[in-house]
Protein backbone atom coordinates (compact mmCIF):
# COMPACT_ATOMS: atom_id res chain seq x y z
CA MET A 1 -25.46 -352.79 -66.75
CA LYS A 2 -27.10 -351.69 -63.51
CA LYS A 3 -28.69 -354.73 -61.30
CA GLU A 4 -32.11 -354.45 -60.52
CA THR A 5 -33.03 -354.64 -56.89
CA LYS A 6 -35.73 -356.96 -55.58
CA ILE A 7 -37.78 -355.91 -53.12
CA SER A 8 -37.71 -359.27 -51.35
CA ASP A 9 -33.79 -358.88 -51.33
CA PHE A 10 -33.91 -355.52 -49.95
CA ILE A 11 -36.51 -356.27 -46.81
CA SER A 12 -34.76 -359.37 -46.09
CA SER A 13 -32.69 -359.74 -42.81
CA PHE A 14 -31.67 -363.30 -43.02
CA SER A 15 -27.93 -362.38 -43.83
CA PHE A 16 -27.50 -361.03 -40.74
CA ASP A 17 -30.57 -362.66 -38.16
CA GLN A 18 -29.36 -366.23 -39.08
CA ARG A 19 -27.03 -365.78 -36.06
CA LEU A 20 -29.79 -366.18 -34.16
CA ALA A 21 -31.10 -369.59 -35.40
CA GLU A 22 -30.15 -371.63 -32.65
CA TYR A 23 -32.14 -369.03 -30.25
CA ASP A 24 -34.91 -369.13 -32.34
CA ILE A 25 -34.98 -373.03 -32.37
CA LEU A 26 -34.65 -373.18 -28.70
CA GLY A 27 -37.49 -370.66 -28.12
CA SER A 28 -39.39 -372.48 -30.54
CA MET A 29 -39.14 -375.57 -28.83
CA ALA A 30 -40.03 -373.91 -25.44
CA HIS A 31 -43.27 -372.45 -27.22
CA VAL A 32 -44.17 -375.94 -28.75
CA LYS A 33 -43.88 -377.68 -25.20
CA MET A 34 -46.12 -374.78 -23.44
CA LEU A 35 -48.64 -375.36 -26.70
CA SER A 36 -48.80 -379.14 -26.13
CA LYS A 37 -49.23 -379.01 -22.44
CA CYS A 38 -52.00 -376.21 -22.78
CA LYS A 39 -53.59 -378.44 -25.13
CA ILE A 40 -53.50 -375.98 -27.90
CA ILE A 41 -51.86 -378.66 -30.00
CA SER A 42 -51.97 -382.38 -29.40
CA SER A 43 -49.01 -384.03 -27.62
CA GLY A 44 -48.10 -386.12 -30.82
CA ASP A 45 -47.65 -383.17 -32.84
CA GLY A 46 -46.05 -381.50 -30.23
CA VAL A 47 -43.22 -384.27 -29.72
CA LYS A 48 -43.25 -384.34 -34.10
CA ILE A 49 -42.36 -380.60 -34.00
CA ILE A 50 -39.96 -381.05 -31.44
CA ASN A 51 -37.91 -383.90 -32.88
CA GLY A 52 -37.97 -381.66 -36.17
CA LEU A 53 -36.43 -378.61 -34.63
CA LYS A 54 -33.78 -380.80 -32.56
CA ALA A 55 -32.97 -382.23 -36.15
CA ILE A 56 -32.40 -379.11 -37.38
CA LEU A 57 -30.37 -377.83 -34.39
CA LYS A 58 -28.05 -381.03 -34.66
CA GLY A 59 -27.70 -380.01 -38.21
CA LEU A 60 -26.45 -376.32 -37.46
CA ASN A 61 -24.11 -377.66 -34.92
CA ASN A 62 -22.63 -379.66 -38.09
CA ASP A 63 -22.37 -376.70 -40.20
CA LYS A 64 -25.40 -377.76 -42.21
CA LYS A 65 -26.93 -374.22 -43.40
CA ILE A 66 -30.87 -373.43 -43.43
CA PRO A 67 -31.72 -372.46 -46.93
CA LYS A 68 -32.20 -368.63 -47.03
CA GLN A 69 -35.40 -367.16 -46.55
CA GLU A 70 -36.92 -363.49 -45.76
CA ASP A 71 -35.76 -363.90 -41.83
CA ILE A 72 -34.43 -366.48 -39.86
CA HIS A 73 -37.96 -367.05 -38.15
CA TYR A 74 -39.61 -368.21 -41.74
CA ALA A 75 -36.46 -370.16 -42.42
CA VAL A 76 -36.76 -372.48 -39.46
CA GLU A 77 -40.24 -372.90 -40.05
CA LYS A 78 -39.94 -373.68 -43.69
CA GLU A 79 -37.26 -376.00 -43.01
CA LEU A 80 -39.48 -377.82 -40.21
CA ILE A 81 -42.30 -378.11 -42.74
CA ARG A 82 -40.16 -379.29 -45.34
CA ARG A 83 -38.79 -382.08 -43.21
CA ILE A 84 -42.34 -383.14 -41.13
CA GLY A 85 -44.72 -381.85 -43.34
CA PRO A 86 -47.80 -379.33 -42.66
CA VAL A 87 -47.72 -380.34 -39.05
CA GLY A 88 -45.05 -378.00 -38.85
CA GLY A 89 -46.95 -374.89 -39.46
CA LYS A 90 -48.70 -375.30 -36.10
CA MET A 91 -45.44 -374.14 -34.24
CA HIS A 92 -46.31 -370.60 -35.13
CA THR A 93 -49.78 -370.68 -33.23
CA ALA A 94 -50.22 -368.29 -30.39
CA ARG A 95 -47.06 -366.14 -31.52
CA SER A 96 -46.09 -363.58 -33.85
CA ARG A 97 -42.71 -362.61 -35.40
CA ASN A 98 -42.63 -359.76 -33.50
CA ASP A 99 -42.70 -361.21 -29.80
CA GLN A 100 -40.41 -364.12 -31.44
CA VAL A 101 -37.28 -361.87 -32.35
CA SER A 102 -37.58 -360.26 -28.98
CA LEU A 103 -37.09 -363.26 -27.04
CA ASP A 104 -34.53 -364.21 -29.94
CA LEU A 105 -32.34 -361.19 -28.90
CA ARG A 106 -33.17 -361.89 -25.34
CA LEU A 107 -31.58 -365.24 -25.46
CA TYR A 108 -28.70 -363.95 -27.49
CA ILE A 109 -27.76 -361.28 -25.29
CA ARG A 110 -28.08 -363.35 -22.04
CA ASP A 111 -25.52 -365.48 -23.53
CA GLU A 112 -23.24 -362.86 -24.62
CA ILE A 113 -23.27 -361.19 -21.14
CA ARG A 114 -22.36 -364.18 -19.43
CA GLN A 115 -19.17 -364.73 -21.79
CA ILE A 116 -18.15 -360.83 -21.53
CA TYR A 117 -18.38 -361.05 -17.85
CA ASP A 118 -15.95 -363.90 -17.89
CA LEU A 119 -13.66 -361.86 -20.11
CA LEU A 120 -13.32 -358.77 -17.99
CA ALA A 121 -12.88 -361.25 -14.89
CA ASP A 122 -9.94 -362.76 -16.97
CA ALA A 123 -8.57 -359.02 -17.52
CA GLN A 124 -9.11 -358.47 -13.78
CA LYS A 125 -7.24 -361.44 -12.82
CA SER A 126 -4.21 -360.16 -15.12
CA ILE A 127 -4.29 -356.86 -13.72
CA ILE A 128 -3.86 -358.23 -10.04
CA SER A 129 -1.19 -360.72 -11.08
CA GLN A 130 0.77 -357.61 -12.45
CA ALA A 131 0.22 -355.61 -9.24
CA LYS A 132 1.20 -358.20 -6.99
CA LYS A 133 4.30 -358.90 -9.05
CA ASN A 134 5.23 -355.13 -8.93
CA HIS A 135 3.68 -354.11 -5.59
CA GLU A 136 6.07 -351.83 -4.55
CA ALA A 137 7.36 -350.12 -7.92
CA VAL A 138 7.07 -346.36 -7.01
CA MET A 139 6.56 -344.01 -10.02
CA PRO A 140 4.84 -340.71 -10.76
CA GLY A 141 1.07 -340.20 -10.58
CA TYR A 142 -0.64 -338.01 -12.98
CA THR A 143 -2.93 -335.15 -13.44
CA HIS A 144 -3.65 -333.29 -16.74
CA LEU A 145 -0.36 -335.72 -17.92
CA GLN A 146 1.94 -333.56 -15.70
CA PRO A 147 3.84 -335.08 -12.90
CA ALA A 148 1.48 -334.80 -9.61
CA GLN A 149 2.02 -337.02 -6.53
CA PRO A 150 4.29 -340.33 -6.40
CA ILE A 151 2.09 -343.19 -6.21
CA LEU A 152 2.54 -347.15 -6.72
CA PHE A 153 2.12 -348.40 -10.09
CA SER A 154 0.26 -351.39 -8.66
CA HIS A 155 -2.24 -348.64 -7.28
CA HIS A 156 -2.60 -347.05 -10.80
CA ILE A 157 -2.93 -350.26 -12.48
CA LEU A 158 -5.53 -351.54 -10.10
CA ALA A 159 -7.86 -348.61 -10.83
CA TYR A 160 -8.82 -350.19 -14.28
CA ALA A 161 -9.72 -353.48 -12.20
CA TRP A 162 -12.35 -351.65 -10.27
CA MET A 163 -13.31 -350.05 -13.55
CA PHE A 164 -13.97 -353.60 -14.90
CA GLN A 165 -15.58 -354.41 -11.81
CA ARG A 166 -18.15 -351.56 -12.12
CA ASP A 167 -18.54 -353.01 -15.73
CA LYS A 168 -19.43 -356.32 -14.77
CA GLU A 169 -21.70 -354.90 -12.08
CA ARG A 170 -23.32 -353.14 -14.99
CA LEU A 171 -23.57 -356.22 -17.20
CA LYS A 172 -25.40 -358.02 -14.23
CA ASP A 173 -27.70 -355.09 -13.87
CA CYS A 174 -28.49 -355.26 -17.59
CA TYR A 175 -29.07 -358.90 -17.36
CA LYS A 176 -31.79 -358.44 -14.85
CA ARG A 177 -33.66 -356.62 -17.71
CA VAL A 178 -32.86 -358.79 -20.59
CA ASN A 179 -34.15 -361.59 -18.66
CA VAL A 180 -37.53 -361.32 -18.97
CA LEU A 181 -39.91 -362.90 -21.18
CA PRO A 182 -41.70 -361.23 -24.27
CA LEU A 183 -43.07 -364.13 -25.98
CA GLY A 184 -46.92 -364.70 -25.82
CA SER A 185 -47.19 -361.05 -26.46
CA ALA A 186 -47.85 -362.25 -30.26
CA SER A 187 -47.96 -359.15 -32.98
CA LEU A 188 -48.92 -356.68 -30.08
CA ALA A 189 -52.05 -357.07 -28.09
CA GLY A 190 -51.55 -360.70 -26.95
CA THR A 191 -53.69 -364.01 -28.01
CA SER A 192 -57.10 -365.46 -27.55
CA PHE A 193 -55.08 -369.14 -26.84
CA PRO A 194 -55.07 -370.12 -23.34
CA ILE A 195 -51.43 -369.71 -23.25
CA ASP A 196 -49.18 -370.20 -20.04
CA ARG A 197 -46.21 -367.77 -20.41
CA LYS A 198 -45.01 -368.25 -17.08
CA TYR A 199 -44.31 -371.87 -17.91
CA VAL A 200 -42.51 -370.88 -21.33
CA ALA A 201 -40.43 -368.47 -18.83
CA LYS A 202 -39.34 -371.31 -16.44
CA LEU A 203 -38.37 -373.69 -19.54
CA LEU A 204 -36.06 -370.87 -20.77
CA GLY A 205 -34.51 -369.08 -17.47
CA PHE A 206 -36.52 -366.30 -17.14
CA ARG A 207 -37.26 -364.39 -14.12
CA GLY A 208 -40.58 -363.45 -15.00
CA VAL A 209 -42.89 -362.11 -18.11
CA MET A 210 -43.21 -358.83 -19.58
CA ASN A 211 -46.47 -357.06 -18.36
CA ASN A 212 -47.45 -355.06 -21.59
CA SER A 213 -48.03 -356.93 -24.88
CA ILE A 214 -47.34 -353.51 -26.99
CA ASP A 215 -44.03 -352.89 -24.62
CA ALA A 216 -42.76 -356.23 -25.07
CA VAL A 217 -42.72 -356.41 -29.08
CA SER A 218 -41.65 -352.72 -29.26
CA ASP A 219 -38.96 -352.73 -26.47
CA ARG A 220 -35.44 -352.43 -27.37
CA ASP A 221 -34.01 -350.64 -24.44
CA PHE A 222 -32.64 -354.03 -23.49
CA VAL A 223 -30.46 -353.90 -26.66
CA VAL A 224 -29.44 -350.14 -26.32
CA GLU A 225 -28.62 -350.57 -22.93
CA PHE A 226 -26.47 -353.56 -23.43
CA VAL A 227 -24.43 -351.74 -26.03
CA PHE A 228 -24.30 -348.53 -23.92
CA ALA A 229 -22.44 -351.09 -21.16
CA LEU A 230 -20.20 -352.36 -23.82
CA SER A 231 -19.27 -348.50 -25.08
CA LEU A 232 -18.03 -348.02 -21.33
CA ILE A 233 -16.21 -351.14 -21.48
CA ALA A 234 -14.78 -349.78 -24.58
CA SER A 235 -14.03 -346.35 -22.94
CA HIS A 236 -12.00 -347.92 -19.79
CA LEU A 237 -10.15 -350.38 -22.35
CA SER A 238 -9.39 -347.21 -24.51
CA ARG A 239 -7.99 -345.36 -21.59
CA LEU A 240 -5.83 -348.39 -20.26
CA CYS A 241 -4.30 -349.05 -23.67
CA GLU A 242 -3.34 -345.14 -23.96
CA ASP A 243 -1.61 -345.50 -20.48
CA LEU A 244 0.22 -348.59 -22.14
CA ILE A 245 1.08 -346.90 -25.03
CA VAL A 246 2.49 -343.68 -23.48
CA TRP A 247 4.34 -346.11 -20.74
CA SER A 248 6.10 -348.01 -23.46
CA SER A 249 7.19 -345.10 -25.45
CA ALA A 250 11.04 -344.26 -25.20
CA GLU A 251 10.40 -340.76 -23.51
CA PHE A 252 8.78 -342.98 -20.44
CA GLY A 253 10.24 -346.34 -20.80
CA PHE A 254 8.48 -347.38 -17.92
CA ILE A 255 7.14 -350.76 -19.34
CA SER A 256 7.70 -353.16 -22.38
CA MET A 257 4.94 -355.02 -24.08
CA ALA A 258 5.53 -358.51 -25.18
CA ASP A 259 6.62 -358.77 -28.66
CA GLU A 260 3.53 -360.94 -29.92
CA PHE A 261 1.11 -357.94 -29.08
CA THR A 262 3.85 -355.61 -31.13
CA SER A 263 4.85 -355.40 -34.67
CA GLY A 264 7.83 -353.97 -36.48
CA SER A 265 8.19 -350.83 -38.69
CA SER A 266 8.22 -351.67 -42.66
CA ILE A 267 10.99 -348.90 -42.86
CA MET A 268 12.59 -348.77 -39.70
CA PRO A 269 14.11 -351.63 -38.32
CA GLN A 270 14.63 -350.36 -34.83
CA LYS A 271 10.90 -349.92 -34.05
CA ARG A 272 8.60 -351.91 -31.96
CA ASN A 273 4.95 -350.67 -32.28
CA PRO A 274 2.19 -350.97 -29.74
CA ASP A 275 -0.37 -352.27 -32.42
CA ALA A 276 -2.59 -354.45 -30.10
CA ALA A 277 -3.17 -351.73 -27.93
CA GLU A 278 -3.89 -349.44 -30.56
CA ILE A 279 -6.09 -351.48 -32.15
CA ILE A 280 -8.20 -351.88 -28.90
CA ARG A 281 -8.11 -348.45 -28.46
CA GLY A 282 -9.31 -347.80 -32.01
CA LYS A 283 -12.40 -350.40 -31.81
CA THR A 284 -13.66 -347.72 -29.24
CA GLY A 285 -14.97 -345.46 -31.98
CA ARG A 286 -16.68 -348.37 -33.76
CA VAL A 287 -18.58 -349.46 -30.42
CA TYR A 288 -19.49 -346.02 -29.82
CA GLY A 289 -21.00 -345.89 -33.47
CA ASP A 290 -23.04 -349.14 -32.95
CA LEU A 291 -24.69 -347.56 -29.91
CA ILE A 292 -25.55 -344.21 -31.56
CA THR A 293 -26.66 -346.16 -34.51
CA LEU A 294 -29.30 -347.91 -32.22
CA LEU A 295 -30.25 -344.73 -30.10
CA THR A 296 -30.61 -343.04 -33.56
CA LEU A 297 -32.85 -345.97 -35.16
CA MET A 298 -35.22 -345.97 -32.11
CA LYS A 299 -35.54 -342.51 -31.44
CA GLY A 300 -38.84 -341.77 -33.31
CA ILE A 301 -40.55 -344.94 -33.91
CA PRO A 302 -44.14 -345.12 -32.93
CA LEU A 303 -45.39 -347.93 -30.88
CA SER A 304 -45.44 -350.85 -31.65
CA TYR A 305 -43.17 -353.07 -33.91
CA ASN A 306 -42.03 -351.42 -37.16
CA ARG A 307 -39.82 -352.66 -39.68
CA ASP A 308 -36.85 -350.25 -38.93
CA MET A 309 -36.08 -352.45 -35.98
CA GLN A 310 -34.69 -355.04 -37.51
CA GLU A 311 -31.71 -353.10 -38.09
CA ASP A 312 -30.98 -353.11 -34.59
CA LYS A 313 -28.85 -356.59 -35.06
CA PRO A 314 -26.28 -355.21 -37.25
CA PRO A 315 -25.04 -352.29 -34.73
CA LEU A 316 -25.56 -355.06 -32.00
CA PHE A 317 -23.74 -358.10 -33.36
CA ASP A 318 -20.86 -355.78 -34.41
CA ALA A 319 -20.53 -354.44 -30.91
CA VAL A 320 -20.73 -357.69 -29.24
CA ASP A 321 -17.86 -358.60 -32.02
CA SER A 322 -15.74 -356.04 -31.74
CA MET A 323 -15.78 -356.29 -27.56
CA LYS A 324 -15.27 -359.85 -27.68
CA SER A 325 -12.39 -359.80 -29.78
CA VAL A 326 -10.84 -356.97 -27.91
CA LEU A 327 -11.28 -358.67 -24.43
CA GLU A 328 -10.01 -361.99 -25.60
CA ILE A 329 -6.50 -360.03 -26.29
CA THR A 330 -6.57 -357.91 -23.05
CA ALA A 331 -5.83 -360.20 -20.18
CA PRO A 332 -2.63 -361.90 -22.27
CA LEU A 333 -1.63 -358.61 -23.26
CA LEU A 334 -1.70 -357.50 -19.54
CA LEU A 335 0.14 -360.44 -18.45
CA GLY A 336 3.06 -359.99 -21.06
CA ILE A 337 4.09 -356.43 -19.64
CA THR A 338 7.28 -356.03 -18.19
CA VAL A 339 7.56 -353.45 -15.86
CA ASN A 340 10.83 -351.18 -15.39
CA PRO A 341 10.54 -350.07 -11.54
CA GLU A 342 14.04 -348.27 -11.86
CA LYS A 343 12.91 -345.97 -14.67
CA MET A 344 9.61 -345.32 -13.04
CA LEU A 345 11.66 -344.38 -9.88
CA GLU A 346 14.11 -342.00 -11.50
CA ALA A 347 10.69 -340.45 -13.40
CA THR A 348 9.90 -339.21 -9.86
CA LYS A 349 12.95 -336.76 -9.47
CA ASN A 350 11.21 -334.70 -12.22
CA GLY A 351 8.30 -331.92 -11.55
CA TYR A 352 8.62 -331.60 -7.73
CA ILE A 353 6.09 -334.37 -7.18
CA CYS A 354 6.86 -334.09 -3.33
CA ALA A 355 5.70 -330.76 -2.84
CA THR A 356 2.19 -331.68 -1.89
CA GLU A 357 3.73 -334.14 1.08
CA VAL A 358 5.81 -330.57 1.97
CA ALA A 359 2.69 -328.79 2.35
CA ASP A 360 1.01 -331.20 4.48
CA TYR A 361 3.87 -331.56 6.90
CA LEU A 362 3.67 -328.04 7.37
CA ALA A 363 0.04 -328.44 8.15
CA LYS A 364 0.70 -331.22 10.45
CA LYS A 365 3.06 -328.43 12.35
CA ASN A 366 -0.31 -326.32 12.46
CA VAL A 367 0.25 -324.07 9.56
CA PRO A 368 -3.22 -323.38 7.82
CA PHE A 369 -2.84 -325.21 4.53
CA ARG A 370 -3.70 -322.36 2.34
CA THR A 371 -0.38 -320.66 4.08
CA ALA A 372 1.46 -323.99 3.62
CA HIS A 373 0.59 -324.06 -0.16
CA LYS A 374 1.86 -320.45 -0.59
CA ILE A 375 4.83 -321.51 1.12
CA VAL A 376 5.85 -324.58 -0.88
CA LYS A 377 4.58 -322.69 -4.17
CA ASP A 378 7.47 -320.12 -3.47
CA MET A 379 9.99 -322.81 -2.51
CA VAL A 380 9.26 -324.56 -5.92
CA LYS A 381 10.00 -321.05 -7.94
CA TYR A 382 13.02 -321.01 -5.83
CA CYS A 383 14.34 -324.17 -6.77
CA ILE A 384 13.48 -323.74 -10.44
CA LYS A 385 15.48 -320.32 -10.36
CA LYS A 386 18.45 -322.22 -9.15
CA ASN A 387 17.93 -325.22 -10.99
CA ILE A 388 17.48 -327.68 -7.92
CA LYS A 389 15.29 -330.00 -6.59
CA LEU A 390 13.50 -330.01 -3.34
CA ASP A 391 15.76 -332.47 -1.27
CA GLU A 392 18.68 -330.40 -2.47
CA LEU A 393 17.71 -327.35 -0.33
CA THR A 394 20.04 -326.97 2.88
CA GLY A 395 18.59 -326.71 6.58
CA ALA A 396 19.32 -322.84 6.36
CA GLU A 397 17.19 -322.73 3.23
CA LEU A 398 14.51 -324.61 4.50
CA LYS A 399 14.22 -322.33 7.68
CA LYS A 400 14.03 -319.23 5.26
CA PHE A 401 10.84 -320.15 4.21
CA SER A 402 9.38 -321.52 7.74
CA LYS A 403 10.71 -321.89 10.80
CA ASN A 404 8.78 -325.25 11.06
CA PHE A 405 11.11 -327.15 9.16
CA ASN A 406 12.94 -329.60 11.00
CA LYS A 407 15.41 -332.58 10.11
CA ASP A 408 12.25 -334.98 10.21
CA ILE A 409 11.13 -333.08 6.72
CA SER A 410 13.48 -335.37 4.74
CA SER A 411 10.90 -338.35 4.78
CA PHE A 412 8.74 -336.41 3.11
CA LEU A 413 11.35 -335.47 0.20
CA LYS A 414 11.65 -339.00 -1.07
CA PRO A 415 8.91 -340.66 -3.10
CA ASP A 416 9.51 -344.15 -1.93
CA LYS A 417 8.91 -342.99 1.89
CA VAL A 418 5.83 -340.80 0.72
CA VAL A 419 3.63 -343.48 -0.77
CA TYR A 420 3.77 -345.11 2.56
CA MET A 421 2.26 -342.12 4.32
CA LYS A 422 -0.71 -342.40 2.00
CA SER A 423 -2.63 -344.79 4.48
CA SER A 424 -6.25 -343.62 3.80
CA GLU A 425 -8.54 -346.22 2.97
CA GLY A 426 -8.22 -346.47 -0.98
CA GLY A 427 -5.05 -344.74 -1.05
CA THR A 428 -1.64 -345.49 -2.65
CA SER A 429 0.13 -347.10 0.33
CA PRO A 430 1.48 -350.67 0.16
CA LYS A 431 -0.77 -351.73 3.03
CA SER A 432 -3.99 -350.19 0.96
CA VAL A 433 -3.20 -351.56 -2.27
CA LYS A 434 -2.48 -355.16 -0.42
CA LYS A 435 -6.13 -354.29 0.78
CA GLN A 436 -7.40 -353.67 -2.94
CA ILE A 437 -6.03 -356.85 -4.06
CA LYS A 438 -7.71 -358.94 -1.44
CA ASP A 439 -11.13 -357.22 -1.96
CA LEU A 440 -10.73 -357.53 -5.91
CA SER A 441 -9.88 -361.15 -5.44
CA SER A 442 -12.98 -361.71 -3.76
CA LEU A 443 -14.91 -360.71 -5.99
CA LEU A 444 -13.77 -362.67 -9.20
């Protein structure tokens, strides 16, 4: 028999917005303090309401649930009235659920930004630790997943630390737009009560108040922007995990992951699968989906508030939960990596990856670079045909390609020597890497 759907259940948001209970109470306490200060309610009523709210909050902290209502805002108010009587209804003076929910979301996102920022810093610390430990390990650098030029492993892994630094900066920038008070805008038009919005902003640690009451209640840019920032973090983590997965394969063997972040096969006893890295990579699609949900939700809503907007919370909460679960694993996953420098160095013998350095050598001998490029390209073709490597060419063979080749070319054919030559700022030389480590460490 088909179960009848009650409209009250259908429109209820309590199942997910109860997560905002703490923020709803904190916002209400600041609002009531302002109402009392501005003599909109008596100081006695204000004290009674605030004590009631404190008691509810204490209960929440002890896992005592608030009875279900249409949403968390009604639930807190109903529970307050149940405890202290009709005076609890004065709490809602000079505000609406429209500006109240925007406040709750801003308080919630502020906290989450701080936590995610710290988790990113932990991941950076793990990367820096690996870079220091494997400072001079030489590996092939890739473009198009083809061997390109010799680089330091530390240089490669630090690229992700810089990505995370930009992620942190984006979160800090997003925080500025989150940290503006919407409360006092009421339903959409403001209020006739003589409220003091700046006082509430000060109590709650906001940098200021929103300038337009319609914008205040209808704005969800701050939610979308925050989830966009999380999506970029997810993208960077996915790329990182892709590298780790490829490097840990038998074909590469550049690294191995700690057993706690891998799992065995149900049928093949010899296998260890990089499950943690794969799940991190997989979570990216989920966070992207949350962002698209929010963008689609907001794209056609007329001003000001509409009930559609209560659906912003499930994707927001899901993106936050996904990102925090991923970042909590990232730092220990990175710390648990064991690098195989011998295998990395061995891989630099493939793909003629010193060819660019040979062209640079000729350019330093006053050969136009385009001419040098053509000479070295012909050299590589010759080596492929003879099944030899560039450093196996004899002096006579080298002279056939260019009279500019001398004995000093030998250093330009050794990957572990070539990396020292990349001394330009931001390059892969050990000196540059040390500077990167120092610069990044100063930002933590």
